[in-house]
C-alpha atoms as a PDB file:
ATOM      1  CA  UNK A   1      35.151-231.012  92.379  1.00  0.00           C
ATOM      2  CA  UNK A   2      31.452-231.218  93.071  1.00  0.00           C
ATOM      3  CA  UNK A   3      29.776-234.115  94.936  1.00  0.00           C
ATOM      4  CA  UNK A   4      27.878-235.103  92.003  1.00  0.00           C
ATOM      5  CA  UNK A   5      29.411-236.229  88.665  1.00  0.00           C
ATOM      6  CA  UNK A   6      28.795-233.922  85.565  1.00  0.00           C
ATOM      7  CA  UNK A   7      28.097-237.001  83.480  1.00  0.00           C
ATOM      8  CA  UNK A   8      28.453-240.703  83.443  1.00  0.00           C
ATOM      9  CA  UNK A   9      28.870-243.163  80.462  1.00  0.00           C
ATOM     10  CA  UNK A  10      28.734-246.939  80.854  1.00  0.00           C
ATOM     11  CA  UNK A  11      29.283-249.770  78.554  1.00  0.00           C
ATOM     12  CA  UNK A  12      29.137-253.272  80.087  1.00  0.00           C
ATOM     13  CA  UNK A  13      31.055-253.254  83.391  1.00  0.00           C
ATOM     14  CA  UNK A  14      33.163-250.123  82.527  1.00  0.00           C
ATOM     15  CA  UNK A  15      32.069-246.758  83.658  1.00  0.00           C
ATOM     16  CA  UNK A  16      33.598-243.290  82.694  1.00  0.00           C
ATOM     17  CA  UNK A  17      32.510-240.636  85.293  1.00  0.00           C
ATOM     18  CA  UNK A  18      33.214-236.958  84.350  1.00  0.00           C
ATOM     19  CA  UNK A  19      33.764-234.472  87.121  1.00  0.00           C
ATOM     20  CA  UNK A  20      33.588-230.702  86.822  1.00  0.00           C
ATOM     21  CA  UNK A  21      36.036-228.739  88.554  1.00  0.00           C
ATOM     22  CA  UNK A  22      36.173-224.839  89.047  1.00  0.00           C
ATOM     23  CA  UNK A  23      39.541-223.430  88.089  1.00  0.00           C
ATOM     24  CA  UNK A  24      40.721-219.959  88.631  1.00  0.00           C
ATOM     25  CA  UNK A  25      39.927-218.759  85.158  1.00  0.00           C
ATOM     26  CA  UNK A  26      37.352-221.439  84.057  1.00  0.00           C
ATOM     27  CA  UNK A  27      35.894-224.841  84.635  1.00  0.00           C
ATOM     28  CA  UNK A  28      37.828-228.069  83.740  1.00  0.00           C
ATOM     29  CA  UNK A  29      36.892-231.648  83.648  1.00  0.00           C
ATOM     30  CA  UNK A  30      38.522-234.884  84.930  1.00  0.00           C
ATOM     31  CA  UNK A  31      37.533-238.420  84.039  1.00  0.00           C
ATOM     32  CA  UNK A  32      37.695-241.545  86.181  1.00  0.00           C
ATOM     33  CA  UNK A  33      37.429-245.016  84.585  1.00  0.00           C
ATOM     34  CA  UNK A  34      36.205-247.951  86.766  1.00  0.00           C
ATOM     35  CA  UNK A  35      35.134-251.459  86.291  1.00  0.00           C
ATOM     36  CA  UNK A  36      32.440-253.126  88.475  1.00  0.00           C
ATOM     37  CA  UNK A  37      32.829-256.693  89.567  1.00  0.00           C
ATOM     38  CA  UNK A  38      31.083-258.969  92.042  1.00  0.00           C
ATOM     39  CA  UNK A  39      33.055-260.281  95.067  1.00  0.00           C
ATOM     40  CA  UNK A  40      30.647-262.911  96.502  1.00  0.00           C
ATOM     41  CA  UNK A  41      27.399-261.054  96.915  1.00  0.00           C
ATOM     42  CA  UNK A  42      28.885-257.684  97.096  1.00  0.00           C
ATOM     43  CA  UNK A  43      29.496-255.374  94.100  1.00  0.00           C
ATOM     44  CA  UNK A  44      32.792-253.410  94.092  1.00  0.00           C
ATOM     45  CA  UNK A  45      34.716-251.190  91.839  1.00  0.00           C
ATOM     46  CA  UNK A  46      38.339-251.091  90.751  1.00  0.00           C
ATOM     47  CA  UNK A  47      40.324-248.944  88.345  1.00  0.00           C
ATOM     48  CA  UNK A  48      42.217-252.062  86.951  1.00  0.00           C
ATOM     49  CA  UNK A  49      41.053-253.131  83.575  1.00  0.00           C
ATOM     50  CA  UNK A  50      41.231-256.524  81.970  1.00  0.00           C
ATOM     51  CA  UNK A  51      42.204-257.076  78.326  1.00  0.00           C
ATOM     52  CA  UNK A  52      38.461-257.552  77.259  1.00  0.00           C
ATOM     53  CA  UNK A  53      37.726-254.195  79.081  1.00  0.00           C
ATOM     54  CA  UNK A  54      40.025-252.117  76.920  1.00  0.00           C
ATOM     55  CA  UNK A  55      37.889-251.558  73.723  1.00  0.00           C
ATOM     56  CA  UNK A  56      34.834-250.469  75.906  1.00  0.00           C
ATOM     57  CA  UNK A  57      37.252-248.105  77.851  1.00  0.00           C
ATOM     58  CA  UNK A  58      38.440-246.658  74.568  1.00  0.00           C
ATOM     59  CA  UNK A  59      34.880-246.115  73.558  1.00  0.00           C
ATOM     60  CA  UNK A  60      33.982-244.491  76.739  1.00  0.00           C
ATOM     61  CA  UNK A  61      37.022-242.141  76.682  1.00  0.00           C
ATOM     62  CA  UNK A  62      35.852-241.105  73.164  1.00  0.00           C
ATOM     63  CA  UNK A  63      32.368-240.324  74.532  1.00  0.00           C
ATOM     64  CA  UNK A  64      33.819-238.397  77.457  1.00  0.00           C
ATOM     65  CA  UNK A  65      36.122-236.432  75.250  1.00  0.00           C
ATOM     66  CA  UNK A  66      33.380-235.521  72.850  1.00  0.00           C
ATOM     67  CA  UNK A  67      30.938-234.432  75.792  1.00  0.00           C
ATOM     68  CA  UNK A  68      33.636-232.303  77.350  1.00  0.00           C
ATOM     69  CA  UNK A  69      34.501-230.711  74.070  1.00  0.00           C
ATOM     70  CA  UNK A  70      30.800-229.626  73.671  1.00  0.00           C
ATOM     71  CA  UNK A  71      30.757-227.954  77.137  1.00  0.00           C
END
């Protein structure tokens, strides 16, 4: 996995981060989903999603899948 993401998609507070990995035969991709929230004055990230986040997560996973398929 590289230090820099291959691609990021964001809707609202939800982010899908795509990482490129170099396999033995070819590259492959992994996807991290995260939600940004504010704790006092500090912004933090979590992988726990609330009910209102689920549709945005589904949309982001579709975007990620489409982008990976084009690579």
